[in-house]
Amino acid sequence: GDVQALFDLVNGRTDSPFARAFAAAKKPLIIVGSAVAEMDGGNAVYAALAAHVKTHAARFLTPEWNGFSVLQRHASRAAAYDLGYRPSPPSSGGAKFIYLLNADDIPAHTIPHGAFVVYQGHHGDAGAALADVVLPGAAYTEKGATWVNAEGRAQLARAAVPPPGAAREDWKVLRALGEVLGVEMPYEDTLDVRDRMWEVAPSLVRYDLTEGVSRDVALLGLAAASASASRSVGEKIGKAVFEKPITNFYQTDVVSRASKTMAECTRAFVLGRDHGFSEAEADAEAAKAQAFA
């Protein structure tokens, strides 16, 4: 939908059935997709929504209910924020050295010409194609690790198979790199890494649990996000619309992009091409499907 319609809703300038139902809801819920931060005017959208939630905090934020959430497109971002990672401002002179840690969604045009690129990851996806040096890491089936899903729930995983060839678990690669650079990292095994995680973000080692945000902390965040909001901010957006950031549902990450099955799904359902059968084979497959129907 268009962005102006959202501003009209939160500023009370529409009288649709949905607007009336939303205004009367005892437990209203707003879920903001992370792609909003990537669009023109995204900050204004966040500010307007935060201001609306702050004004109506009695309904949105209670001890039993948190009615304002941001849904991350990549689950790893939730863990990164827990660890304190934040986007850094762009360098005025352009970066000369770039380290891609399992980063395969970096647009090639954002890497400055002449920059030296190191890629650490697996499956040899887009990030590896941009790199001057590749440090092979272990895939999710090849390492004991902590995974954090989109709701911030930490999950413990164990290796099913060893990593192939020269590939190593990510923390081992970074520790070895630290030795080369003369930076000591006090990690001898995975338990040492988890001890450090406990010191930085205890929620990351409280497995299968989620920790809610307190009302006071939520209000502080809303105050910061809504600082630039105004009732006229919607008009400044013009005719902006919310765009879907995912054009191909079947290949959204490094693993699915390396999957033959997902490639066939893309070919058939996204590109609209045939399913790989000849006409005779297609008739035979249709007959089988009908027999089992």
C-alpha atoms as a PDB file:
ATOM      1  CA  GLY A   1       0.000   0.000   0.000  1.00  0.00           C
ATOM      2  CA  ASP A   2       0.993   3.657  -0.172  1.00  0.00           C
ATOM      3  CA  VAL A   3       2.757   5.323   2.709  1.00  0.00           C
ATOM      4  CA  GLN A   4       0.317   8.230   2.852  1.00  0.00           C
ATOM      5  CA  ALA A   5      -2.500   5.862   3.825  1.00  0.00           C
ATOM      6  CA  LEU A   6      -0.470   4.769   6.847  1.00  0.00           C
ATOM      7  CA  PHE A   7       0.087   8.358   7.948  1.00  0.00           C
ATOM      8  CA  ASP A   8      -3.600   9.095   7.542  1.00  0.00           C
ATOM      9  CA  LEU A   9      -4.394   6.106   9.758  1.00  0.00           C
ATOM     10  CA  VAL A  10      -2.029   6.948  12.637  1.00  0.00           C
ATOM     11  CA  ASN A  11      -2.942  10.658  12.496  1.00  0.00           C
ATOM     12  CA  GLY A  12      -6.683   9.959  12.651  1.00  0.00           C
ATOM     13  CA  ARG A  13      -7.436  11.349   9.199  1.00  0.00           C
ATOM     14  CA  THR A  14      -9.371   8.336   7.920  1.00  0.00           C
ATOM     15  CA  ASP A  15     -12.727   6.904   8.930  1.00  0.00           C
ATOM     16  CA  SER A  16     -12.637   3.479   7.320  1.00  0.00           C
ATOM     17  CA  PRO A  17     -14.069   0.402   9.086  1.00  0.00           C
ATOM     18  CA  PHE A  18     -10.519  -0.818   9.690  1.00  0.00           C
ATOM     19  CA  ALA A  19      -9.496   2.520  11.227  1.00  0.00           C
ATOM     20  CA  ARG A  20     -12.456   2.399  13.615  1.00  0.00           C
ATOM     21  CA  ALA A  21     -11.736  -1.202  14.581  1.00  0.00           C
ATOM     22  CA  PHE A  22      -8.029  -0.419  15.077  1.00  0.00           C
ATOM     23  CA  ALA A  23      -8.819   2.592  17.271  1.00  0.00           C
ATOM     24  CA  ALA A  24     -11.145   0.513  19.436  1.00  0.00           C
ATOM     25  CA  ALA A  25      -8.868  -2.536  19.761  1.00  0.00           C
ATOM     26  CA  LYS A  26      -7.940  -3.456  23.335  1.00  0.00           C
ATOM     27  CA  LYS A  27      -4.762  -5.181  22.177  1.00  0.00           C
ATOM     28  CA  PRO A  28      -3.663  -3.430  18.966  1.00  0.00           C
ATOM     29  CA  LEU A  29      -0.574  -4.722  17.191  1.00  0.00           C
ATOM     30  CA  ILE A  30       1.773  -3.025  14.734  1.00  0.00           C
ATOM     31  CA  ILE A  31       4.467  -5.160  13.090  1.00  0.00           C
ATOM     32  CA  VAL A  32       6.996  -3.186  11.043  1.00  0.00           C
ATOM     33  CA  GLY A  33       9.009  -5.050   8.434  1.00  0.00           C
ATOM     34  CA  SER A  34      12.736  -4.369   8.519  1.00  0.00           C
ATOM     35  CA  ALA A  35      12.613  -3.346   4.846  1.00  0.00           C
ATOM     36  CA  VAL A  36      11.032  -0.055   5.947  1.00  0.00           C
ATOM     37  CA  ALA A  37      14.472   1.041   7.135  1.00  0.00           C
ATOM     38  CA  GLU A  38      15.808   0.527   3.602  1.00  0.00           C
ATOM     39  CA  MET A  39      13.242   2.667   1.771  1.00  0.00           C
ATOM     40  CA  ASP A  40      13.227   6.396   1.126  1.00  0.00           C
ATOM     41  CA  GLY A  41      11.359   8.032   3.962  1.00  0.00           C
ATOM     42  CA  GLY A  42      11.783   5.000   6.203  1.00  0.00           C
ATOM     43  CA  ASN A  43      12.866   7.098   9.177  1.00  0.00           C
ATOM     44  CA  ALA A  44       9.696   9.167   8.867  1.00  0.00           C
ATOM     45  CA  VAL A  45       7.594   5.993   8.888  1.00  0.00           C
ATOM     46  CA  TYR A  46       9.313   4.725  12.033  1.00  0.00           C
ATOM     47  CA  ALA A  47       8.934   8.127  13.681  1.00  0.00           C
ATOM     48  CA  ALA A  48       5.219   8.389  12.913  1.00  0.00           C
ATOM     49  CA  LEU A  49       4.466   4.871  14.124  1.00  0.00           C
ATOM     50  CA  ALA A  50       6.546   5.319  17.285  1.00  0.00           C
ATOM     51  CA  ALA A  51       4.783   8.590  18.053  1.00  0.00           C
ATOM     52  CA  HIS A  52       1.392   6.911  17.618  1.00  0.00           C
ATOM     53  CA  VAL A  53       2.308   4.010  19.909  1.00  0.00           C
ATOM     54  CA  LYS A  54       3.761   6.377  22.510  1.00  0.00           C
ATOM     55  CA  THR A  55       0.585   8.504  22.498  1.00  0.00           C
ATOM     56  CA  HIS A  56      -1.569   5.399  22.955  1.00  0.00           C
ATOM     57  CA  ALA A  57       0.848   3.522  25.215  1.00  0.00           C
ATOM     58  CA  ALA A  58      -1.948   2.540  27.612  1.00  0.00           C
ATOM     59  CA  ARG A  59      -3.277   0.196  24.903  1.00  0.00           C
ATOM     60  CA  PHE A  60      -0.065  -0.781  23.136  1.00  0.00           C
ATOM     61  CA  LEU A  61       2.257  -1.348  26.095  1.00  0.00           C
ATOM     62  CA  THR A  62       1.001  -3.153  29.164  1.00  0.00           C
ATOM     63  CA  PRO A  63       2.537  -5.775  31.481  1.00  0.00           C
ATOM     64  CA  GLU A  64       0.736  -8.433  29.398  1.00  0.00           C
ATOM     65  CA  TRP A  65       1.004  -6.928  25.930  1.00  0.00           C
ATOM     66  CA  ASN A  66       3.626  -5.400  23.638  1.00  0.00           C
ATOM     67  CA  GLY A  67       1.845  -4.062  20.581  1.00  0.00           C
ATOM     68  CA  PHE A  68       4.823  -2.689  18.644  1.00  0.00           C
ATOM     69  CA  SER A  69       7.356  -4.985  16.980  1.00  0.00           C
ATOM     70  CA  VAL A  70       9.928  -4.957  14.209  1.00  0.00           C
ATOM     71  CA  LEU A  71      10.195  -8.155  12.163  1.00  0.00           C
ATOM     72  CA  GLN A  72      13.694  -8.770  10.879  1.00  0.00           C
ATOM     73  CA  ARG A  73      14.074 -10.298   7.418  1.00  0.00           C
ATOM     74  CA  HIS A  74      17.259 -12.078   8.507  1.00  0.00           C
ATOM     75  CA  ALA A  75      17.059 -13.848  11.851  1.00  0.00           C
ATOM     76  CA  SER A  76      20.747 -13.159  12.574  1.00  0.00           C
ATOM     77  CA  ARG A  77      20.007  -9.442  12.876  1.00  0.00           C
ATOM     78  CA  ALA A  78      18.067 -10.008  16.108  1.00  0.00           C
ATOM     79  CA  ALA A  79      21.155 -11.590  17.675  1.00  0.00           C
ATOM     80  CA  ALA A  80      23.431  -8.895  16.236  1.00  0.00           C
ATOM     81  CA  TYR A  81      21.351  -6.170  17.908  1.00  0.00           C
ATOM     82  CA  ASP A  82      21.476  -8.111  21.205  1.00  0.00           C
ATOM     83  CA  LEU A  83      25.260  -8.150  20.922  1.00  0.00           C
ATOM     84  CA  GLY A  84      25.340  -4.398  20.372  1.00  0.00           C
ATOM     85  CA  TYR A  85      26.042  -4.238  16.638  1.00  0.00           C
ATOM     86  CA  ARG A  86      24.775  -1.097  14.952  1.00  0.00           C
ATOM     87  CA  PRO A  87      25.147   0.166  11.386  1.00  0.00           C
ATOM     88  CA  SER A  88      28.127   2.477  11.169  1.00  0.00           C
ATOM     89  CA  PRO A  89      27.999   5.713   9.183  1.00  0.00           C
ATOM     90  CA  PRO A  90      29.489   5.412   5.705  1.00  0.00           C
ATOM     91  CA  SER A  91      33.124   6.351   5.348  1.00  0.00           C
ATOM     92  CA  SER A  92      33.651   9.677   3.596  1.00  0.00           C
ATOM     93  CA  GLY A  93      36.702   8.400   1.740  1.00  0.00           C
ATOM     94  CA  GLY A  94      35.388   4.907   1.049  1.00  0.00           C
ATOM     95  CA  ALA A  95      36.513   1.740   2.813  1.00  0.00           C
ATOM     96  CA  LYS A  96      39.847   0.271   1.768  1.00  0.00           C
ATOM     97  CA  PHE A  97      39.343  -3.058   3.549  1.00  0.00           C
ATOM     98  CA  ILE A  98      36.058  -4.958   3.843  1.00  0.00           C
ATOM     99  CA  TYR A  99      35.508  -8.140   5.836  1.00  0.00           C
ATOM    100  CA  LEU A 100      32.344 -10.012   4.861  1.00  0.00           C
ATOM    101  CA  LEU A 101      31.388 -12.379   7.690  1.00  0.00           C
ATOM    102  CA  ASN A 102      28.792 -14.689   6.134  1.00  0.00           C
ATOM    103  CA  ALA A 103      27.465 -11.628   4.311  1.00  0.00           C
ATOM    104  CA  ASP A 104      25.992 -12.643   0.974  1.00  0.00           C
ATOM    105  CA  ASP A 105      23.449  -9.892   0.415  1.00  0.00           C
ATOM    106  CA  ILE A 106      25.894  -7.029  -0.090  1.00  0.00           C
ATOM    107  CA  PRO A 107      25.189  -5.189  -3.375  1.00  0.00           C
ATOM    108  CA  ALA A 108      28.346  -5.194  -5.461  1.00  0.00           C
ATOM    109  CA  HIS A 109      28.020  -1.473  -6.251  1.00  0.00           C
ATOM    110  CA  THR A 110      28.366  -0.586  -2.545  1.00  0.00           C
ATOM    111  CA  ILE A 111      31.936  -1.904  -2.392  1.00  0.00           C
ATOM    112  CA  PRO A 112      34.383   0.904  -3.248  1.00  0.00           C
ATOM    113  CA  HIS A 113      36.628   0.389  -6.232  1.00  0.00           C
ATOM    114  CA  GLY A 114      40.027  -0.831  -5.141  1.00  0.00           C
ATOM    115  CA  ALA A 115      38.895  -2.083  -1.724  1.00  0.00           C
ATOM    116  CA  PHE A 116      40.436  -5.355  -0.540  1.00  0.00           C
ATOM    117  CA  VAL A 117      37.643  -7.794   0.291  1.00  0.00           C
ATOM    118  CA  VAL A 118      37.858 -10.837   2.553  1.00  0.00           C
ATOM    119  CA  TYR A 119      34.922 -13.237   2.648  1.00  0.00           C
ATOM    120  CA  GLN A 120      34.363 -15.755   5.436  1.00  0.00           C
ATOM    121  CA  GLY A 121      31.491 -18.130   4.861  1.00  0.00           C
ATOM    122  CA  HIS A 122      30.257 -21.255   3.121  1.00  0.00           C
ATOM    123  CA  HIS A 123      28.554 -22.394  -0.092  1.00  0.00           C
ATOM    124  CA  GLY A 124      30.587 -19.896  -2.194  1.00  0.00           C
ATOM    125  CA  ASP A 125      27.690 -17.515  -2.767  1.00  0.00           C
ATOM    126  CA  ALA A 126      27.603 -13.895  -3.937  1.00  0.00           C
ATOM    127  CA  GLY A 127      29.910 -12.662  -1.167  1.00  0.00           C
ATOM    128  CA  ALA A 128      32.635 -15.086  -2.221  1.00  0.00           C
ATOM    129  CA  ALA A 129      32.410 -13.841  -5.804  1.00  0.00           C
ATOM    130  CA  LEU A 130      33.285 -10.340  -4.621  1.00  0.00           C
ATOM    131  CA  ALA A 131      36.257 -11.391  -2.499  1.00  0.00           C
ATOM    132  CA  ASP A 132      39.997 -11.171  -3.014  1.00  0.00           C
ATOM    133  CA  VAL A 133      40.488 -13.782  -0.286  1.00  0.00           C
ATOM    134  CA  VAL A 134      38.035 -16.480   0.848  1.00  0.00           C
ATOM    135  CA  LEU A 135      38.279 -18.016   4.322  1.00  0.00           C
ATOM    136  CA  PRO A 136      36.050 -21.125   4.252  1.00  0.00           C
ATOM    137  CA  GLY A 137      33.720 -21.430   7.219  1.00  0.00           C
ATOM    138  CA  ALA A 138      31.458 -24.235   8.373  1.00  0.00           C
ATOM    139  CA  ALA A 139      27.818 -24.509   7.341  1.00  0.00           C
ATOM    140  CA  TYR A 140      25.030 -24.804   9.904  1.00  0.00           C
ATOM    141  CA  THR A 141      25.126 -28.622   9.775  1.00  0.00           C
ATOM    142  CA  GLU A 142      28.883 -28.674  10.374  1.00  0.00           C
ATOM    143  CA  LYS A 143      29.281 -26.829  13.681  1.00  0.00           C
ATOM    144  CA  GLY A 144      28.003 -26.623  17.203  1.00  0.00           C
ATOM    145  CA  ALA A 145      26.424 -23.187  17.397  1.00  0.00           C
ATOM    146  CA  THR A 146      23.829 -20.903  18.878  1.00  0.00           C
ATOM    147  CA  TRP A 147      21.096 -19.788  16.510  1.00  0.00           C
ATOM    148  CA  VAL A 148      18.697 -16.952  17.251  1.00  0.00           C
ATOM    149  CA  ASN A 149      15.416 -16.825  15.354  1.00  0.00           C
ATOM    150  CA  ALA A 150      13.451 -13.753  14.330  1.00  0.00           C
ATOM    151  CA  GLU A 151      11.655 -13.482  17.687  1.00  0.00           C
ATOM    152  CA  GLY A 152      14.974 -13.463  19.574  1.00  0.00           C
ATOM    153  CA  ARG A 153      14.763 -17.062  20.813  1.00  0.00           C
ATOM    154  CA  ALA A 154      18.190 -18.676  21.225  1.00  0.00           C
ATOM    155  CA  GLN A 155      18.512 -22.271  20.073  1.00  0.00           C
ATOM    156  CA  LEU A 156      21.371 -24.719  20.583  1.00  0.00           C
ATOM    157  CA  ALA A 157      22.626 -26.794  17.651  1.00  0.00           C
ATOM    158  CA  ARG A 158      25.187 -29.556  17.368  1.00  0.00           C
ATOM    159  CA  ALA A 159      27.266 -30.579  14.373  1.00  0.00           C
ATOM    160  CA  ALA A 160      25.861 -33.402  12.250  1.00  0.00           C
ATOM    161  CA  VAL A 161      28.938 -33.770  10.011  1.00  0.00           C
ATOM    162  CA  PRO A 162      32.453 -32.286  10.102  1.00  0.00           C
ATOM    163  CA  PRO A 163      33.279 -29.331   7.839  1.00  0.00           C
ATOM    164  CA  PRO A 164      34.955 -30.354   4.557  1.00  0.00           C
ATOM    165  CA  GLY A 165      38.506 -29.623   3.527  1.00  0.00           C
ATOM    166  CA  ALA A 166      40.052 -26.489   5.031  1.00  0.00           C
ATOM    167  CA  ALA A 167      36.735 -25.149   6.361  1.00  0.00           C
ATOM    168  CA  ARG A 168      36.606 -24.331  10.062  1.00  0.00           C
ATOM    169  CA  GLU A 169      34.020 -23.147  12.555  1.00  0.00           C
ATOM    170  CA  ASP A 170      33.702 -19.371  12.381  1.00  0.00           C
ATOM    171  CA  TRP A 171      35.141 -18.627  15.817  1.00  0.00           C
ATOM    172  CA  LYS A 172      38.228 -20.728  14.989  1.00  0.00           C
ATOM    173  CA  VAL A 173      38.804 -18.748  11.800  1.00  0.00           C
ATOM    174  CA  LEU A 174      38.596 -15.460  13.711  1.00  0.00           C
ATOM    175  CA  ARG A 175      40.852 -16.731  16.476  1.00  0.00           C
ATOM    176  CA  ALA A 176      43.493 -17.820  13.947  1.00  0.00           C
ATOM    177  CA  LEU A 177      43.226 -14.454  12.218  1.00  0.00           C
ATOM    178  CA  GLY A 178      43.729 -12.767  15.582  1.00  0.00           C
ATOM    179  CA  GLU A 179      46.955 -14.695  16.102  1.00  0.00           C
ATOM    180  CA  VAL A 180      48.255 -13.488  12.735  1.00  0.00           C
ATOM    181  CA  LEU A 181      47.370  -9.885  13.626  1.00  0.00           C
ATOM    182  CA  GLY A 182      48.793 -10.125  17.129  1.00  0.00           C
ATOM    183  CA  VAL A 183      45.376  -9.841  18.821  1.00  0.00           C
ATOM    184  CA  GLU A 184      44.874 -12.448  21.513  1.00  0.00           C
ATOM    185  CA  MET A 185      41.412 -13.983  21.762  1.00  0.00           C
ATOM    186  CA  PRO A 186      40.864 -16.001  24.962  1.00  0.00           C
ATOM    187  CA  TYR A 187      38.835 -18.784  23.344  1.00  0.00           C
ATOM    188  CA  GLU A 188      39.967 -22.402  23.391  1.00  0.00           C
ATOM    189  CA  ASP A 189      36.623 -24.023  22.646  1.00  0.00           C
ATOM    190  CA  THR A 190      32.943 -23.302  22.054  1.00  0.00           C
ATOM    191  CA  LEU A 191      32.254 -23.103  25.804  1.00  0.00           C
ATOM    192  CA  ASP A 192      34.669 -20.171  26.105  1.00  0.00           C
ATOM    193  CA  VAL A 193      32.766 -18.387  23.339  1.00  0.00           C
ATOM    194  CA  ARG A 194      29.463 -18.988  25.142  1.00  0.00           C
ATOM    195  CA  ASP A 195      30.914 -17.673  28.394  1.00  0.00           C
ATOM    196  CA  ARG A 196      31.700 -14.431  26.589  1.00  0.00           C
ATOM    197  CA  MET A 197      28.198 -14.361  25.120  1.00  0.00           C
ATOM    198  CA  TRP A 198      26.823 -14.638  28.650  1.00  0.00           C
ATOM    199  CA  GLU A 199      28.836 -11.581  29.679  1.00  0.00           C
ATOM    200  CA  VAL A 200      27.673  -9.496  26.702  1.00  0.00           C
ATOM    201  CA  ALA A 201      24.091 -10.698  26.149  1.00  0.00           C
ATOM    202  CA  PRO A 202      22.872 -13.334  28.652  1.00  0.00           C
ATOM    203  CA  SER A 203      19.700 -13.934  26.643  1.00  0.00           C
ATOM    204  CA  LEU A 204      21.793 -15.647  23.952  1.00  0.00           C
ATOM    205  CA  VAL A 205      22.575 -18.595  26.228  1.00  0.00           C
ATOM    206  CA  ARG A 206      19.121 -18.901  27.774  1.00  0.00           C
ATOM    207  CA  TYR A 207      18.013 -21.443  25.249  1.00  0.00           C
ATOM    208  CA  ASP A 208      14.412 -21.861  24.085  1.00  0.00           C
ATOM    209  CA  LEU A 209      13.321 -18.763  25.996  1.00  0.00           C
ATOM    210  CA  THR A 210      12.361 -15.264  24.928  1.00  0.00           C
ATOM    211  CA  GLU A 211      12.811 -12.180  27.053  1.00  0.00           C
ATOM    212  CA  GLY A 212      10.193  -9.473  26.825  1.00  0.00           C
ATOM    213  CA  VAL A 213      10.995  -5.783  26.741  1.00  0.00           C
ATOM    214  CA  SER A 214       9.983  -3.836  29.847  1.00  0.00           C
ATOM    215  CA  ARG A 215       7.503  -1.007  29.403  1.00  0.00           C
ATOM    216  CA  ASP A 216      10.023   1.583  30.592  1.00  0.00           C
ATOM    217  CA  VAL A 217      12.669   0.464  28.097  1.00  0.00           C
ATOM    218  CA  ALA A 218      10.082   0.369  25.307  1.00  0.00           C
ATOM    219  CA  LEU A 219       8.977   3.920  26.099  1.00  0.00           C
ATOM    220  CA  LEU A 220      12.570   5.150  25.980  1.00  0.00           C
ATOM    221  CA  GLY A 221      13.018   3.587  22.557  1.00  0.00           C
ATOM    222  CA  LEU A 222       9.749   5.053  21.296  1.00  0.00           C
ATOM    223  CA  ALA A 223      10.724   8.506  22.551  1.00  0.00           C
ATOM    224  CA  ALA A 224      13.990   8.344  20.627  1.00  0.00           C
ATOM    225  CA  ALA A 225      12.346   7.001  17.469  1.00  0.00           C
ATOM    226  CA  SER A 226       9.514   9.545  17.521  1.00  0.00           C
ATOM    227  CA  ALA A 227      11.708  12.580  18.141  1.00  0.00           C
ATOM    228  CA  SER A 228      11.506  13.658  14.486  1.00  0.00           C
ATOM    229  CA  ALA A 229       7.796  12.963  14.028  1.00  0.00           C
ATOM    230  CA  SER A 230       5.286  15.641  13.213  1.00  0.00           C
ATOM    231  CA  ARG A 231       1.682  15.589  12.068  1.00  0.00           C
ATOM    232  CA  SER A 232       2.709  16.905   8.667  1.00  0.00           C
ATOM    233  CA  VAL A 233       5.498  14.409   8.059  1.00  0.00           C
ATOM    234  CA  GLY A 234       3.204  12.285   5.886  1.00  0.00           C
ATOM    235  CA  GLU A 235       2.882  14.961   3.247  1.00  0.00           C
ATOM    236  CA  LYS A 236       6.646  14.966   2.808  1.00  0.00           C
ATOM    237  CA  ILE A 237       6.575  11.365   1.635  1.00  0.00           C
ATOM    238  CA  GLY A 238       4.718  12.196  -1.558  1.00  0.00           C
ATOM    239  CA  LYS A 239       3.588   9.108  -3.467  1.00  0.00           C
ATOM    240  CA  ALA A 240       5.953   6.625  -1.819  1.00  0.00           C
ATOM    241  CA  VAL A 241       4.717   3.044  -1.564  1.00  0.00           C
ATOM    242  CA  PHE A 242       5.777   0.064   0.459  1.00  0.00           C
ATOM    243  CA  GLU A 243       7.654  -2.363  -1.767  1.00  0.00           C
ATOM    244  CA  LYS A 244       8.098  -6.080  -1.133  1.00  0.00           C
ATOM    245  CA  PRO A 245      11.820  -6.637  -0.541  1.00  0.00           C
ATOM    246  CA  ILE A 246      11.676 -10.309  -1.559  1.00  0.00           C
ATOM    247  CA  THR A 247      11.001 -11.000  -5.222  1.00  0.00           C
ATOM    248  CA  ASN A 248      11.913 -14.682  -5.094  1.00  0.00           C
ATOM    249  CA  PHE A 249      10.598 -16.502  -2.041  1.00  0.00           C
ATOM    250  CA  TYR A 250      12.399 -19.726  -2.994  1.00  0.00           C
ATOM    251  CA  GLN A 251      15.942 -18.360  -2.879  1.00  0.00           C
ATOM    252  CA  THR A 252      16.421 -15.930  -0.023  1.00  0.00           C
ATOM    253  CA  ASP A 253      19.715 -17.083   1.484  1.00  0.00           C
ATOM    254  CA  VAL A 254      23.014 -18.756   0.703  1.00  0.00           C
ATOM    255  CA  VAL A 255      21.714 -22.283   1.304  1.00  0.00           C
ATOM    256  CA  SER A 256      18.517 -22.051  -0.747  1.00  0.00           C
ATOM    257  CA  ARG A 257      20.390 -20.360  -3.594  1.00  0.00           C
ATOM    258  CA  ALA A 258      22.640 -23.426  -3.765  1.00  0.00           C
ATOM    259  CA  SER A 259      19.691 -25.840  -3.788  1.00  0.00           C
ATOM    260  CA  LYS A 260      18.767 -27.596  -7.044  1.00  0.00           C
ATOM    261  CA  THR A 261      15.201 -28.050  -5.783  1.00  0.00           C
ATOM    262  CA  MET A 262      14.811 -24.347  -5.025  1.00  0.00           C
ATOM    263  CA  ALA A 263      16.309 -23.515  -8.422  1.00  0.00           C
ATOM    264  CA  GLU A 264      13.639 -25.659 -10.063  1.00  0.00           C
ATOM    265  CA  CYS A 265      10.950 -23.930  -7.989  1.00  0.00           C
ATOM    266  CA  THR A 266      12.291 -20.569  -9.114  1.00  0.00           C
ATOM    267  CA  ARG A 267      12.280 -21.662 -12.715  1.00  0.00           C
ATOM    268  CA  ALA A 268       8.729 -22.988 -12.542  1.00  0.00           C
ATOM    269  CA  PHE A 269       6.928 -20.600 -10.207  1.00  0.00           C
ATOM    270  CA  VAL A 270       8.871 -17.331 -10.430  1.00  0.00           C
ATOM    271  CA  LEU A 271      10.080 -17.338 -14.025  1.00  0.00           C
ATOM    272  CA  GLY A 272       7.035 -19.249 -15.278  1.00  0.00           C
ATOM    273  CA  ARG A 273       9.048 -21.750 -17.277  1.00  0.00           C
ATOM    274  CA  ASP A 274       8.422 -25.475 -17.664  1.00  0.00           C
ATOM    275  CA  HIS A 275       9.047 -27.946 -14.871  1.00  0.00           C
ATOM    276  CA  GLY A 276      11.832 -29.745 -16.714  1.00  0.00           C
ATOM    277  CA  PHE A 277       9.592 -32.439 -18.230  1.00  0.00           C
ATOM    278  CA  SER A 278       9.087 -33.167 -21.882  1.00  0.00           C
ATOM    279  CA  GLU A 279       5.493 -33.141 -23.130  1.00  0.00           C
ATOM    280  CA  ALA A 280       5.279 -36.932 -22.800  1.00  0.00           C
ATOM    281  CA  GLU A 281       6.826 -36.846 -19.327  1.00  0.00           C
ATOM    282  CA  ALA A 282       4.463 -34.068 -18.301  1.00  0.00           C
ATOM    283  CA  ASP A 283       1.471 -36.178 -19.357  1.00  0.00           C
ATOM    284  CA  ALA A 284       2.851 -39.111 -17.375  1.00  0.00           C
ATOM    285  CA  GLU A 285       3.407 -36.977 -14.290  1.00  0.00           C
ATOM    286  CA  ALA A 286      -0.123 -35.576 -14.592  1.00  0.00           C
ATOM    287  CA  ALA A 287      -1.501 -39.114 -14.796  1.00  0.00           C
ATOM    288  CA  LYS A 288       0.386 -40.087 -11.645  1.00  0.00           C
ATOM    289  CA  ALA A 289      -0.925 -37.034  -9.822  1.00  0.00           C
ATOM    290  CA  GLN A 290      -4.466 -37.850 -10.879  1.00  0.00           C
ATOM    291  CA  ALA A 291      -4.065 -41.464  -9.730  1.00  0.00           C
ATOM    292  CA  PHE A 292      -3.059 -40.353  -6.249  1.00  0.00           C
ATOM    293  CA  ALA A 293      -5.685 -37.592  -6.029  1.00  0.00           C
END
